[in-house]
Structure formats: structure tokens, C-alpha cells
Protein backbone atom coordinates (compact mmCIF):
# COMPACT_ATOMS: atom_id res chain seq x y z
CA MET A 1 1.17 21.05 14.23
CA GLY A 2 -2.57 20.45 14.36
CA ARG A 3 -4.22 17.11 14.89
CA VAL A 4 -5.36 16.93 11.28
CA VAL A 5 -1.83 17.44 10.00
CA VAL A 6 -0.49 14.82 12.40
CA ALA A 7 -3.18 12.37 11.22
CA LEU A 8 -2.27 13.07 7.58
CA VAL A 9 1.43 12.56 8.25
CA VAL A 10 0.77 9.27 10.08
CA ASN A 11 -1.49 8.14 7.24
CA ALA A 12 1.14 9.07 4.63
CA VAL A 13 3.88 7.20 6.50
CA ILE A 14 1.73 4.08 6.91
CA THR A 15 0.73 4.09 3.23
CA LEU A 16 4.37 4.68 2.26
CA VAL A 17 5.37 1.56 4.21
CA PHE A 18 2.60 -0.50 2.59
CA GLY A 19 3.49 0.85 -0.86
CA LEU A 20 7.18 0.04 -0.49
CA TRP A 21 6.33 -3.39 0.91
CA SER A 22 3.94 -4.15 -1.99
CA ALA A 23 6.52 -2.93 -4.52
CA SER A 24 9.36 -4.97 -3.05
CA ARG A 25 7.44 -8.08 -1.93
CA PRO A 26 4.25 -8.36 -4.03
CA ASP A 27 3.91 -12.07 -3.24
CA ARG A 28 3.77 -11.34 0.51
CA SER A 29 1.35 -8.46 -0.06
CA ILE A 30 -1.02 -10.71 -2.00
CA ALA A 31 -0.75 -13.44 0.67
CA PHE A 32 -1.56 -10.86 3.36
CA TYR A 33 -4.67 -9.77 1.45
CA GLN A 34 -5.76 -13.38 1.01
CA THR A 35 -5.35 -13.96 4.77
CA ILE A 36 -7.49 -10.93 5.57
CA MET A 37 -10.20 -12.04 3.14
CA ARG A 38 -10.26 -15.57 4.62
CA ALA A 39 -11.34 -13.99 7.90
CA PHE A 40 -14.46 -12.79 6.02
CA ASN A 41 -15.03 -16.24 4.49
CA TRP A 42 -13.81 -15.20 1.02
CA ARG A 43 -11.28 -17.07 -1.10
CA VAL A 44 -9.29 -14.81 -3.38
CA GLU A 45 -7.11 -16.32 -6.12
CA PRO A 46 -5.51 -14.47 -9.04
CA ILE A 47 -6.33 -15.77 -12.51
CA ASP A 48 -2.82 -15.00 -13.79
CA ARG A 49 -0.30 -15.05 -10.92
CA GLU A 50 2.56 -13.39 -12.83
CA ARG A 51 0.32 -10.58 -14.03
CA GLU A 52 -0.99 -10.08 -10.48
CA LEU A 53 2.55 -9.87 -9.09
CA GLU A 54 3.47 -7.22 -11.67
CA THR A 55 0.26 -5.24 -11.07
CA THR A 56 0.79 -5.34 -7.30
CA ARG A 57 4.38 -4.14 -7.77
CA LYS A 58 3.27 -1.24 -9.98
CA LEU A 59 0.45 -0.23 -7.64
CA GLY A 60 2.86 -0.39 -4.70
CA ILE A 61 5.18 2.02 -6.50
CA ALA A 62 2.22 4.32 -7.25
CA LEU A 63 1.07 4.21 -3.62
CA ALA A 64 4.58 4.99 -2.36
CA GLY A 65 4.84 7.87 -4.85
CA CYS A 66 1.52 9.36 -3.73
CA SER A 67 2.59 9.01 -0.10
CA ILE A 68 5.88 10.78 -0.74
CA LEU A 69 4.06 13.56 -2.59
CA THR A 70 1.64 13.93 0.34
CA LEU A 71 4.52 14.13 2.81
CA LEU A 72 6.32 16.74 0.69
CA LEU A 73 3.20 18.86 0.41
CA LEU A 74 2.59 18.64 4.15
CA ILE A 75 6.18 19.61 4.91
CA ARG A 76 5.98 22.64 2.59
CA SER A 77 2.72 23.89 4.12
């Protein structure tokens, strides 16, 4: 396996973990993002918390799905 393929597999696994985490624990994912942004002197607050939780959950599912698709395509190639 070439270095590029290894890098793509590592990237897909990391994004799969983040996607599953965001889908299962959107509140923790949002808190993590807010912590990162505080380091850059930015305060990030959702306007509608419930809507933000649902959006984060959906985007986590989408990210996990894209990661799985990437892994499947890499395995088949």
C-alpha cells in the first residue's frame, strides 16, 4: 500500500470517528468546537440549541457515511 493510500485510510478512519461521535453525542461535539474557538478568542453560541443539536447529528451521520464510502472504495481499489 502506498503512502497516499495509507494517508487516505487514516483520514477516513479519523473522520469516521468524528462523524460517529457527532451523531451520537452532538452536545459534546458542539462543546468541543466552542472550546477550540475560545482558543482563538471567539465565542460561538447557537441561536436555536435544539436545531443545532439536530443539525450536528445529521451532519455527523453524513460524515460517517462519506467516510465509510471512502473506506469501501479504497478497499476495492
